[in-house]
């Protein structure tokens, strides 16, 4: 959904409710957990957040609170929605001169304690999204080196006409999102850990 001004809270709520019966905008639902399908752009980004148990717990808190979406030009509606398969959310993006509200649904949750600890989730785009995309946001605590990393894996391609016409802008925003998301996670985890040490 594209609009010239930011939609109201009520409009966003109605939009999300309307997505309950919506289909995914791509057939390879869940593929971010395994083999990435061909015909898509693939973006894979990773950043080390620190090491140890305190960092791990702060990183999990960050993902639970959707801190990876704490970006000035993007708003996740709603960051308090449960992290479980089937939950619908919407990403409100402020472009140059207009807004877009994009529908997504959580495809699966990652919560693994065998070997390396992993936590996170993946969401997929619904038919009211300009793109066909699945994106996975995960944390990994490597038991061998004690490092905690934040990982983003996405496969995407434009779906709506405006997204195809504005393809260079779309790719720029995807790359910008990855950088901003990593920075937001690092700022939350490192800043929070520093505060704990200072206290």
N, C-alpha and C. Protein backbone atom coordinates (compact mmCIF):
# COMPACT_ATOMS: atom_id res chain seq x y z
N UNK A 1 0.85 -1.18 0.00
CA UNK A 1 0.00 0.00 0.00
C UNK A 1 0.89 1.24 0.00
N UNK A 2 0.68 2.12 -0.96
CA UNK A 2 1.45 3.34 -1.06
C UNK A 2 0.56 4.53 -0.70
N UNK A 3 1.13 5.52 0.00
CA UNK A 3 0.37 6.71 0.37
C UNK A 3 1.31 7.90 0.50
N UNK A 4 0.74 9.09 0.34
CA UNK A 4 1.56 10.31 0.37
C UNK A 4 1.82 10.79 1.79
N UNK A 5 1.03 10.34 2.76
CA UNK A 5 1.26 10.69 4.15
C UNK A 5 1.24 9.42 4.99
N UNK A 6 1.79 9.50 6.18
CA UNK A 6 1.87 8.32 7.03
C UNK A 6 0.47 7.87 7.44
N UNK A 7 0.15 6.59 7.32
CA UNK A 7 -1.16 6.09 7.73
C UNK A 7 -1.33 6.18 9.25
N UNK A 8 -2.56 6.31 9.70
CA UNK A 8 -2.84 6.39 11.13
C UNK A 8 -2.70 5.00 11.77
N UNK A 9 -2.67 4.99 13.10
CA UNK A 9 -2.59 3.71 13.83
C UNK A 9 -3.77 2.81 13.46
N UNK A 10 -4.97 3.40 13.37
CA UNK A 10 -6.16 2.61 13.02
C UNK A 10 -6.06 2.03 11.61
N UNK A 11 -5.56 2.82 10.69
CA UNK A 11 -5.39 2.34 9.31
C UNK A 11 -4.40 1.17 9.27
N UNK A 12 -3.33 1.28 10.03
CA UNK A 12 -2.34 0.21 10.07
C UNK A 12 -2.95 -1.05 10.68
N UNK A 13 -3.70 -0.90 11.76
CA UNK A 13 -4.34 -2.06 12.40
C UNK A 13 -5.29 -2.76 11.43
N UNK A 14 -6.09 -1.97 10.72
CA UNK A 14 -7.03 -2.56 9.75
C UNK A 14 -6.27 -3.28 8.64
N UNK A 15 -5.21 -2.65 8.17
CA UNK A 15 -4.38 -3.25 7.10
C UNK A 15 -3.83 -4.60 7.54
N UNK A 16 -3.31 -4.68 8.77
CA UNK A 16 -2.74 -5.94 9.27
C UNK A 16 -3.83 -7.00 9.44
N UNK A 17 -4.98 -6.60 9.97
CA UNK A 17 -6.08 -7.54 10.14
C UNK A 17 -6.54 -8.13 8.82
N UNK A 18 -6.52 -7.31 7.78
CA UNK A 18 -6.95 -7.75 6.45
C UNK A 18 -5.99 -8.78 5.84
N UNK A 19 -4.78 -8.90 6.41
CA UNK A 19 -3.78 -9.81 5.84
C UNK A 19 -3.93 -11.24 6.34
N UNK A 20 -4.84 -11.47 7.28
CA UNK A 20 -4.93 -12.78 7.91
C UNK A 20 -5.17 -13.91 6.91
N UNK A 21 -5.95 -13.66 5.88
CA UNK A 21 -6.23 -14.69 4.87
C UNK A 21 -5.36 -14.55 3.63
N UNK A 22 -4.45 -13.58 3.64
CA UNK A 22 -3.64 -13.32 2.45
C UNK A 22 -2.62 -14.44 2.22
N UNK A 23 -2.28 -14.64 0.96
CA UNK A 23 -1.29 -15.64 0.57
C UNK A 23 0.11 -15.01 0.56
N UNK A 24 1.12 -15.86 0.67
CA UNK A 24 2.49 -15.37 0.48
C UNK A 24 2.67 -14.96 -0.98
N UNK A 25 3.57 -14.02 -1.21
CA UNK A 25 3.78 -13.50 -2.57
C UNK A 25 4.84 -14.28 -3.35
N UNK A 26 5.24 -15.42 -2.83
CA UNK A 26 6.26 -16.25 -3.48
C UNK A 26 6.00 -17.71 -3.09
N UNK A 27 6.41 -18.65 -3.92
CA UNK A 27 6.07 -20.06 -3.64
C UNK A 27 7.04 -20.79 -2.70
N UNK A 28 8.26 -20.29 -2.56
CA UNK A 28 9.30 -21.05 -1.84
C UNK A 28 9.32 -20.70 -0.34
N UNK A 29 8.17 -20.78 0.29
CA UNK A 29 8.04 -20.38 1.69
C UNK A 29 8.89 -21.29 2.59
N UNK A 30 9.73 -20.67 3.41
CA UNK A 30 10.60 -21.41 4.32
C UNK A 30 11.98 -21.71 3.76
N UNK A 31 12.25 -21.29 2.53
CA UNK A 31 13.53 -21.63 1.89
C UNK A 31 14.73 -20.96 2.54
N UNK A 32 14.51 -19.90 3.31
CA UNK A 32 15.65 -19.26 3.97
C UNK A 32 16.27 -20.15 5.05
N UNK A 33 15.59 -21.22 5.41
CA UNK A 33 16.13 -22.17 6.39
C UNK A 33 16.99 -23.24 5.72
N UNK A 34 17.02 -23.26 4.40
CA UNK A 34 17.78 -24.29 3.69
C UNK A 34 18.40 -23.76 2.42
N UNK A 35 18.02 -24.37 1.30
CA UNK A 35 18.59 -23.99 0.01
C UNK A 35 17.83 -22.80 -0.57
N UNK A 36 18.57 -21.75 -0.90
CA UNK A 36 17.95 -20.54 -1.46
C UNK A 36 17.56 -20.81 -2.91
N UNK A 37 16.32 -20.47 -3.30
CA UNK A 37 15.89 -20.73 -4.68
C UNK A 37 16.58 -19.81 -5.68
N UNK A 38 16.66 -20.25 -6.91
CA UNK A 38 17.25 -19.43 -7.97
C UNK A 38 16.24 -18.37 -8.43
N UNK A 39 16.75 -17.36 -9.12
CA UNK A 39 15.89 -16.31 -9.66
C UNK A 39 15.65 -15.15 -8.71
N UNK A 40 16.34 -15.13 -7.58
CA UNK A 40 16.19 -14.06 -6.60
C UNK A 40 17.54 -13.38 -6.34
N UNK A 41 17.48 -12.13 -5.90
CA UNK A 41 18.67 -11.49 -5.35
C UNK A 41 18.88 -12.04 -3.95
N UNK A 42 20.12 -12.34 -3.62
CA UNK A 42 20.43 -12.87 -2.29
C UNK A 42 21.32 -11.87 -1.57
N UNK A 43 20.92 -11.52 -0.36
CA UNK A 43 21.71 -10.62 0.49
C UNK A 43 21.99 -11.36 1.80
N UNK A 44 23.26 -11.45 2.14
CA UNK A 44 23.65 -12.12 3.39
C UNK A 44 24.61 -11.20 4.13
N UNK A 45 24.22 -10.81 5.34
CA UNK A 45 25.00 -9.88 6.14
C UNK A 45 25.15 -10.43 7.55
N UNK A 46 26.30 -10.16 8.14
CA UNK A 46 26.60 -10.71 9.47
C UNK A 46 27.48 -9.72 10.22
N UNK A 47 27.26 -9.62 11.53
CA UNK A 47 28.09 -8.76 12.36
C UNK A 47 28.30 -9.42 13.72
N UNK A 48 29.51 -9.29 14.24
CA UNK A 48 29.81 -9.80 15.57
C UNK A 48 29.36 -8.77 16.60
N UNK A 49 28.60 -9.22 17.59
CA UNK A 49 28.06 -8.33 18.61
C UNK A 49 28.88 -8.34 19.90
N UNK A 50 29.75 -9.32 20.04
CA UNK A 50 30.53 -9.44 21.27
C UNK A 50 30.69 -10.91 21.62
N UNK A 51 30.94 -11.17 22.89
CA UNK A 51 31.13 -12.56 23.30
C UNK A 51 30.53 -12.78 24.68
N UNK A 52 30.24 -14.04 24.96
CA UNK A 52 29.81 -14.42 26.29
C UNK A 52 28.32 -14.40 26.53
N UNK A 53 27.95 -14.88 27.71
CA UNK A 53 26.55 -15.06 28.07
C UNK A 53 25.78 -13.75 28.19
N UNK A 54 26.41 -12.73 28.76
CA UNK A 54 25.72 -11.43 28.91
C UNK A 54 25.37 -10.88 27.54
N UNK A 55 26.32 -10.94 26.61
CA UNK A 55 26.06 -10.47 25.24
C UNK A 55 24.93 -11.27 24.60
N UNK A 56 24.94 -12.60 24.79
CA UNK A 56 23.89 -13.44 24.22
C UNK A 56 22.51 -13.03 24.73
N UNK A 57 22.39 -12.86 26.03
CA UNK A 57 21.08 -12.50 26.59
C UNK A 57 20.62 -11.12 26.12
N UNK A 58 21.55 -10.18 26.00
CA UNK A 58 21.20 -8.85 25.50
C UNK A 58 20.79 -8.92 24.03
N UNK A 59 21.47 -9.76 23.27
CA UNK A 59 21.14 -9.91 21.85
C UNK A 59 19.75 -10.53 21.68
N UNK A 60 19.44 -11.55 22.49
CA UNK A 60 18.11 -12.17 22.44
C UNK A 60 17.05 -11.14 22.82
N UNK A 61 17.32 -10.34 23.84
CA UNK A 61 16.39 -9.28 24.23
C UNK A 61 16.17 -8.31 23.07
N UNK A 62 17.24 -8.00 22.35
CA UNK A 62 17.14 -7.09 21.20
C UNK A 62 16.25 -7.66 20.11
N UNK A 63 16.41 -8.95 19.80
CA UNK A 63 15.57 -9.56 18.77
C UNK A 63 14.13 -9.64 19.23
N UNK A 64 13.91 -10.03 20.48
CA UNK A 64 12.53 -10.08 21.01
C UNK A 64 11.86 -8.72 20.92
N UNK A 65 12.62 -7.65 21.13
CA UNK A 65 12.08 -6.29 21.05
C UNK A 65 12.18 -5.68 19.67
N UNK A 66 12.62 -6.48 18.67
CA UNK A 66 12.75 -6.06 17.27
C UNK A 66 13.63 -4.82 17.12
N UNK A 67 14.72 -4.78 17.88
CA UNK A 67 15.64 -3.64 17.79
C UNK A 67 16.29 -3.54 16.42
N UNK A 68 16.31 -4.63 15.68
CA UNK A 68 16.91 -4.60 14.34
C UNK A 68 16.13 -3.71 13.38
N UNK A 69 14.89 -3.36 13.77
CA UNK A 69 14.07 -2.45 12.96
C UNK A 69 14.06 -1.04 13.53
N UNK A 70 14.91 -0.76 14.49
CA UNK A 70 14.97 0.56 15.10
C UNK A 70 15.79 1.49 14.19
N UNK A 71 15.13 1.87 13.10
CA UNK A 71 15.77 2.61 12.01
C UNK A 71 14.90 3.85 11.72
N UNK A 72 15.49 5.03 11.55
CA UNK A 72 14.70 6.26 11.39
C UNK A 72 13.67 6.23 10.26
N UNK A 73 13.98 5.57 9.16
CA UNK A 73 13.08 5.62 8.00
C UNK A 73 12.17 4.40 7.90
N UNK A 74 12.20 3.53 8.91
CA UNK A 74 11.39 2.31 8.88
C UNK A 74 10.75 2.08 10.24
N UNK A 75 9.52 1.60 10.22
CA UNK A 75 8.82 1.28 11.46
C UNK A 75 8.14 -0.07 11.32
N UNK A 76 8.38 -0.99 12.26
CA UNK A 76 7.71 -2.27 12.25
C UNK A 76 6.42 -2.16 13.04
N UNK A 77 5.33 -2.63 12.46
CA UNK A 77 4.03 -2.60 13.12
C UNK A 77 3.54 -4.05 13.26
N UNK A 78 3.59 -4.62 14.42
CA UNK A 78 3.96 -4.03 15.70
C UNK A 78 5.12 -4.80 16.30
N UNK A 79 6.07 -4.14 16.96
CA UNK A 79 7.23 -4.83 17.51
C UNK A 79 6.92 -5.74 18.70
N UNK A 80 5.71 -5.64 19.23
CA UNK A 80 5.33 -6.50 20.36
C UNK A 80 4.55 -7.74 19.91
N UNK A 81 4.35 -7.89 18.62
CA UNK A 81 3.64 -9.08 18.11
C UNK A 81 4.44 -10.33 18.45
N UNK A 82 3.77 -11.44 18.77
CA UNK A 82 4.50 -12.65 19.15
C UNK A 82 5.38 -13.18 18.03
N UNK A 83 6.54 -13.70 18.42
CA UNK A 83 7.44 -14.30 17.44
C UNK A 83 7.05 -15.76 17.29
N UNK A 84 6.10 -16.00 16.42
CA UNK A 84 5.67 -17.37 16.13
C UNK A 84 5.12 -17.42 14.72
N UNK A 85 5.21 -18.59 14.11
CA UNK A 85 4.74 -18.75 12.73
C UNK A 85 3.27 -18.36 12.63
N UNK A 86 2.95 -17.60 11.59
CA UNK A 86 1.58 -17.18 11.34
C UNK A 86 1.25 -15.78 11.79
N UNK A 87 2.17 -15.13 12.53
CA UNK A 87 1.92 -13.75 12.99
C UNK A 87 2.12 -12.78 11.85
N UNK A 88 1.11 -11.92 11.60
CA UNK A 88 1.23 -10.92 10.56
C UNK A 88 1.77 -9.61 11.14
N UNK A 89 2.66 -8.98 10.39
CA UNK A 89 3.21 -7.68 10.75
C UNK A 89 3.25 -6.83 9.48
N UNK A 90 3.56 -5.56 9.66
CA UNK A 90 3.70 -4.68 8.50
C UNK A 90 4.91 -3.78 8.70
N UNK A 91 5.61 -3.53 7.61
CA UNK A 91 6.75 -2.61 7.64
C UNK A 91 6.32 -1.31 6.97
N UNK A 92 6.39 -0.22 7.74
CA UNK A 92 6.06 1.10 7.22
C UNK A 92 7.37 1.79 6.84
N UNK A 93 7.53 2.07 5.56
CA UNK A 93 8.78 2.64 5.06
C UNK A 93 8.51 4.06 4.55
N UNK A 94 9.36 4.99 4.99
CA UNK A 94 9.26 6.37 4.51
C UNK A 94 10.27 6.55 3.39
N UNK A 95 9.75 6.60 2.17
CA UNK A 95 10.58 6.83 1.00
C UNK A 95 10.71 8.33 0.77
N UNK A 96 11.30 8.71 -0.34
CA UNK A 96 11.40 10.13 -0.69
C UNK A 96 10.04 10.60 -1.20
N UNK A 97 9.30 11.31 -0.37
CA UNK A 97 8.04 11.89 -0.80
C UNK A 97 6.80 11.03 -0.62
N UNK A 98 6.95 9.77 -0.17
CA UNK A 98 5.77 8.95 0.05
C UNK A 98 6.08 7.84 1.06
N UNK A 99 5.04 7.12 1.47
CA UNK A 99 5.17 6.02 2.41
C UNK A 99 4.67 4.74 1.75
N UNK A 100 5.22 3.61 2.18
CA UNK A 100 4.67 2.33 1.76
C UNK A 100 4.48 1.46 3.00
N UNK A 101 3.36 0.75 3.01
CA UNK A 101 3.03 -0.18 4.10
C UNK A 101 3.04 -1.57 3.49
N UNK A 102 3.92 -2.42 3.97
CA UNK A 102 4.18 -3.71 3.34
C UNK A 102 3.87 -4.85 4.29
N UNK A 103 3.07 -5.80 3.82
CA UNK A 103 2.58 -6.89 4.66
C UNK A 103 3.52 -8.09 4.65
N UNK A 104 3.75 -8.64 5.86
CA UNK A 104 4.61 -9.81 6.03
C UNK A 104 3.99 -10.76 7.06
N UNK A 105 4.45 -12.00 7.03
CA UNK A 105 4.00 -12.99 8.01
C UNK A 105 5.22 -13.79 8.47
N UNK A 106 5.30 -14.05 9.76
CA UNK A 106 6.39 -14.86 10.28
C UNK A 106 6.22 -16.29 9.77
N UNK A 107 7.27 -16.80 9.15
CA UNK A 107 7.26 -18.13 8.53
C UNK A 107 7.68 -19.20 9.54
N UNK A 108 8.73 -18.91 10.28
CA UNK A 108 9.20 -19.86 11.28
C UNK A 108 10.03 -19.13 12.34
N UNK A 109 10.19 -19.79 13.46
CA UNK A 109 11.00 -19.28 14.57
C UNK A 109 12.21 -20.20 14.72
N UNK A 110 13.34 -19.63 15.08
CA UNK A 110 14.57 -20.39 15.33
C UNK A 110 14.86 -20.29 16.82
N UNK A 111 15.00 -21.44 17.48
CA UNK A 111 15.33 -21.46 18.90
C UNK A 111 16.02 -22.78 19.19
N UNK A 112 17.33 -22.80 18.98
CA UNK A 112 18.10 -24.04 19.03
C UNK A 112 19.18 -23.95 20.11
N UNK A 113 19.23 -24.95 20.96
CA UNK A 113 20.22 -24.97 22.04
C UNK A 113 21.19 -26.13 21.88
N UNK A 114 21.11 -26.84 20.77
CA UNK A 114 22.01 -27.97 20.52
C UNK A 114 23.22 -27.47 19.74
N UNK A 115 24.41 -27.70 20.29
CA UNK A 115 25.61 -27.18 19.64
C UNK A 115 25.69 -25.68 19.85
N UNK A 116 25.82 -24.94 18.75
CA UNK A 116 25.78 -23.49 18.86
C UNK A 116 24.36 -23.03 19.16
N UNK A 117 24.22 -22.08 20.07
CA UNK A 117 22.88 -21.56 20.37
C UNK A 117 22.44 -20.63 19.24
N UNK A 118 21.19 -20.77 18.82
CA UNK A 118 20.63 -19.91 17.77
C UNK A 118 19.25 -19.43 18.20
N UNK A 119 18.94 -18.20 17.83
CA UNK A 119 17.62 -17.66 18.12
C UNK A 119 17.27 -16.64 17.04
N UNK A 120 15.98 -16.61 16.67
CA UNK A 120 15.54 -15.62 15.70
C UNK A 120 14.27 -16.06 15.00
N UNK A 121 14.05 -15.51 13.83
CA UNK A 121 12.85 -15.83 13.06
C UNK A 121 13.04 -15.40 11.61
N UNK A 122 12.11 -15.84 10.78
CA UNK A 122 12.08 -15.40 9.38
C UNK A 122 10.67 -14.96 9.05
N UNK A 123 10.56 -13.92 8.23
CA UNK A 123 9.24 -13.55 7.74
C UNK A 123 9.24 -13.54 6.23
N UNK A 124 8.06 -13.74 5.68
CA UNK A 124 7.88 -13.73 4.24
C UNK A 124 6.86 -12.68 3.85
N UNK A 125 7.00 -12.16 2.64
CA UNK A 125 6.10 -11.11 2.17
C UNK A 125 4.77 -11.71 1.71
N UNK A 126 3.71 -10.93 1.91
CA UNK A 126 2.37 -11.30 1.46
C UNK A 126 2.04 -10.54 0.19
N UNK A 127 0.90 -10.81 -0.39
CA UNK A 127 0.57 -10.23 -1.70
C UNK A 127 0.45 -8.70 -1.67
N UNK A 128 0.27 -8.11 -0.50
CA UNK A 128 0.21 -6.65 -0.39
C UNK A 128 1.60 -6.03 -0.22
N UNK A 129 2.63 -6.77 -0.55
CA UNK A 129 4.01 -6.28 -0.45
C UNK A 129 4.53 -6.01 -1.85
N UNK A 130 5.33 -4.97 -1.99
CA UNK A 130 5.89 -4.62 -3.30
C UNK A 130 6.90 -5.65 -3.80
N UNK A 131 7.49 -6.41 -2.88
CA UNK A 131 8.51 -7.38 -3.21
C UNK A 131 8.02 -8.80 -2.95
N UNK A 132 8.66 -9.76 -3.57
CA UNK A 132 8.56 -11.16 -3.18
C UNK A 132 9.85 -11.45 -2.42
N UNK A 133 9.72 -11.73 -1.14
CA UNK A 133 10.94 -11.79 -0.31
C UNK A 133 10.72 -12.65 0.93
N UNK A 134 11.79 -13.31 1.33
CA UNK A 134 11.83 -13.94 2.64
C UNK A 134 13.13 -13.49 3.30
N UNK A 135 13.03 -13.14 4.57
CA UNK A 135 14.19 -12.61 5.28
C UNK A 135 14.29 -13.26 6.65
N UNK A 136 15.50 -13.72 6.95
CA UNK A 136 15.75 -14.41 8.22
C UNK A 136 16.66 -13.55 9.09
N UNK A 137 16.28 -13.40 10.36
CA UNK A 137 17.05 -12.63 11.33
C UNK A 137 17.43 -13.59 12.47
N UNK A 138 18.72 -13.91 12.58
CA UNK A 138 19.11 -14.88 13.60
C UNK A 138 20.34 -14.43 14.37
N UNK A 139 20.41 -14.94 15.59
CA UNK A 139 21.58 -14.78 16.44
C UNK A 139 22.25 -16.14 16.55
N UNK A 140 23.58 -16.14 16.67
CA UNK A 140 24.30 -17.38 16.89
C UNK A 140 25.36 -17.15 17.96
N UNK A 141 25.38 -18.01 18.96
CA UNK A 141 26.43 -18.00 19.98
C UNK A 141 27.30 -19.21 19.73
N UNK A 142 28.47 -18.99 19.18
CA UNK A 142 29.39 -20.06 18.83
C UNK A 142 30.09 -20.55 20.11
N UNK A 143 29.83 -21.79 20.48
CA UNK A 143 30.38 -22.30 21.74
C UNK A 143 31.90 -22.48 21.67
N UNK A 144 32.44 -22.66 20.46
CA UNK A 144 33.88 -22.89 20.32
C UNK A 144 34.69 -21.63 20.60
N UNK A 145 34.24 -20.48 20.08
CA UNK A 145 35.01 -19.24 20.28
C UNK A 145 34.30 -18.21 21.15
N UNK A 146 33.09 -18.55 21.64
CA UNK A 146 32.30 -17.71 22.56
C UNK A 146 31.74 -16.45 21.89
N UNK A 147 31.83 -16.34 20.56
CA UNK A 147 31.38 -15.14 19.86
C UNK A 147 29.88 -15.19 19.60
N UNK A 148 29.24 -14.02 19.73
CA UNK A 148 27.81 -13.86 19.44
C UNK A 148 27.68 -13.01 18.18
N UNK A 149 26.97 -13.53 17.18
CA UNK A 149 26.81 -12.83 15.90
C UNK A 149 25.34 -12.65 15.55
N UNK A 150 25.07 -11.58 14.84
CA UNK A 150 23.75 -11.30 14.29
C UNK A 150 23.84 -11.52 12.79
N UNK A 151 22.89 -12.26 12.24
CA UNK A 151 22.94 -12.68 10.84
C UNK A 151 21.62 -12.35 10.14
N UNK A 152 21.71 -11.74 8.96
CA UNK A 152 20.52 -11.45 8.14
C UNK A 152 20.71 -12.14 6.79
N UNK A 153 19.74 -12.95 6.42
CA UNK A 153 19.76 -13.61 5.11
C UNK A 153 18.43 -13.33 4.42
N UNK A 154 18.50 -12.81 3.19
CA UNK A 154 17.27 -12.51 2.46
C UNK A 154 17.40 -12.92 1.00
N UNK A 155 16.29 -13.41 0.45
CA UNK A 155 16.21 -13.56 -1.01
C UNK A 155 14.98 -12.79 -1.46
N UNK A 156 15.12 -12.04 -2.55
CA UNK A 156 14.04 -11.13 -2.94
C UNK A 156 14.07 -10.85 -4.44
N UNK A 157 12.92 -10.39 -4.93
CA UNK A 157 12.82 -9.86 -6.28
C UNK A 157 11.60 -8.94 -6.32
N UNK A 158 11.60 -7.93 -7.18
CA UNK A 158 10.46 -7.02 -7.25
C UNK A 158 9.22 -7.74 -7.77
N UNK A 159 8.04 -7.35 -7.25
CA UNK A 159 6.80 -8.00 -7.65
C UNK A 159 5.82 -7.01 -8.27
N UNK A 160 5.62 -5.89 -7.61
CA UNK A 160 4.68 -4.89 -8.13
C UNK A 160 5.38 -4.00 -9.16
N UNK A 161 4.58 -3.40 -10.01
CA UNK A 161 5.12 -2.58 -11.11
C UNK A 161 6.01 -1.46 -10.59
N UNK A 162 5.56 -0.78 -9.54
CA UNK A 162 6.34 0.33 -9.00
C UNK A 162 7.69 -0.15 -8.48
N UNK A 163 7.70 -1.35 -7.89
CA UNK A 163 8.97 -1.91 -7.40
C UNK A 163 9.89 -2.25 -8.56
N UNK A 164 9.31 -2.71 -9.68
CA UNK A 164 10.14 -3.02 -10.84
C UNK A 164 10.72 -1.75 -11.45
N UNK A 165 9.88 -0.72 -11.57
CA UNK A 165 10.33 0.55 -12.13
C UNK A 165 11.39 1.17 -11.22
N UNK A 166 11.16 1.09 -9.93
CA UNK A 166 12.09 1.67 -8.96
C UNK A 166 13.09 0.67 -8.43
N UNK A 167 13.47 -0.30 -9.28
CA UNK A 167 14.36 -1.38 -8.85
C UNK A 167 15.68 -0.89 -8.24
N UNK A 168 16.36 0.09 -8.85
CA UNK A 168 17.61 0.57 -8.22
C UNK A 168 17.38 1.13 -6.82
N UNK A 169 16.27 1.85 -6.62
CA UNK A 169 15.96 2.38 -5.29
C UNK A 169 15.66 1.23 -4.33
N UNK A 170 14.95 0.24 -4.81
CA UNK A 170 14.62 -0.92 -3.98
C UNK A 170 15.88 -1.64 -3.51
N UNK A 171 16.83 -1.86 -4.41
CA UNK A 171 18.08 -2.52 -4.04
C UNK A 171 18.88 -1.66 -3.06
N UNK A 172 18.87 -0.36 -3.29
CA UNK A 172 19.58 0.54 -2.38
C UNK A 172 18.98 0.46 -0.98
N UNK A 173 17.64 0.46 -0.89
CA UNK A 173 16.99 0.38 0.41
C UNK A 173 17.26 -0.95 1.10
N UNK A 174 17.31 -2.03 0.34
CA UNK A 174 17.62 -3.32 0.94
C UNK A 174 19.02 -3.34 1.54
N UNK A 175 19.97 -2.78 0.82
CA UNK A 175 21.34 -2.74 1.32
C UNK A 175 21.45 -1.77 2.50
N UNK A 176 20.73 -0.65 2.41
CA UNK A 176 20.73 0.32 3.50
C UNK A 176 20.10 -0.27 4.76
N UNK A 177 19.02 -1.04 4.56
CA UNK A 177 18.38 -1.68 5.71
C UNK A 177 19.35 -2.61 6.42
N UNK A 178 20.08 -3.43 5.66
CA UNK A 178 21.02 -4.37 6.28
C UNK A 178 22.06 -3.64 7.12
N UNK A 179 22.61 -2.56 6.58
CA UNK A 179 23.62 -1.81 7.33
C UNK A 179 23.02 -1.16 8.57
N UNK A 180 21.85 -0.54 8.41
CA UNK A 180 21.19 0.12 9.54
C UNK A 180 20.77 -0.89 10.60
N UNK A 181 20.31 -2.07 10.16
CA UNK A 181 19.86 -3.10 11.08
C UNK A 181 21.02 -3.62 11.92
N UNK A 182 22.16 -3.88 11.28
CA UNK A 182 23.34 -4.33 12.01
C UNK A 182 23.78 -3.28 13.03
N UNK A 183 23.76 -2.02 12.60
CA UNK A 183 24.17 -0.93 13.50
C UNK A 183 23.22 -0.81 14.69
N UNK A 184 21.92 -0.98 14.44
CA UNK A 184 20.93 -0.87 15.52
C UNK A 184 21.12 -1.99 16.54
N UNK A 185 21.38 -3.19 16.06
CA UNK A 185 21.62 -4.32 16.97
C UNK A 185 22.89 -4.11 17.77
N UNK A 186 23.95 -3.69 17.12
CA UNK A 186 25.22 -3.47 17.80
C UNK A 186 25.08 -2.37 18.85
N UNK A 187 24.40 -1.30 18.49
CA UNK A 187 24.22 -0.19 19.44
C UNK A 187 23.44 -0.64 20.66
N UNK A 188 22.38 -1.43 20.46
CA UNK A 188 21.58 -1.89 21.59
C UNK A 188 22.38 -2.83 22.48
N UNK A 189 23.02 -3.82 21.88
CA UNK A 189 23.71 -4.85 22.66
C UNK A 189 24.94 -4.27 23.36
N UNK A 190 25.78 -3.56 22.63
CA UNK A 190 27.00 -3.00 23.22
C UNK A 190 26.66 -1.90 24.21
N UNK A 191 25.72 -1.04 23.85
CA UNK A 191 25.31 0.03 24.76
C UNK A 191 24.71 -0.51 26.04
N UNK A 192 23.87 -1.53 25.92
CA UNK A 192 23.23 -2.13 27.09
C UNK A 192 24.25 -2.86 27.95
N UNK A 193 25.19 -3.56 27.31
CA UNK A 193 26.22 -4.28 28.06
C UNK A 193 27.12 -3.31 28.80
N UNK A 194 27.45 -2.19 28.16
CA UNK A 194 28.29 -1.18 28.80
C UNK A 194 27.59 -0.60 30.02
N UNK A 195 26.29 -0.35 29.88
CA UNK A 195 25.52 0.19 31.00
C UNK A 195 25.52 -0.78 32.17
N UNK A 196 25.36 -2.09 31.88
CA UNK A 196 25.37 -3.10 32.94
C UNK A 196 26.72 -3.12 33.66
N UNK A 197 27.81 -3.00 32.88
CA UNK A 197 29.15 -3.01 33.50
C UNK A 197 29.35 -1.76 34.36
N UNK A 198 28.86 -0.61 33.87
CA UNK A 198 29.02 0.64 34.62
C UNK A 198 28.22 0.62 35.91
N UNK A 199 27.03 -0.06 35.88
CA UNK A 199 26.20 -0.13 37.09
C UNK A 199 26.85 -1.04 38.13
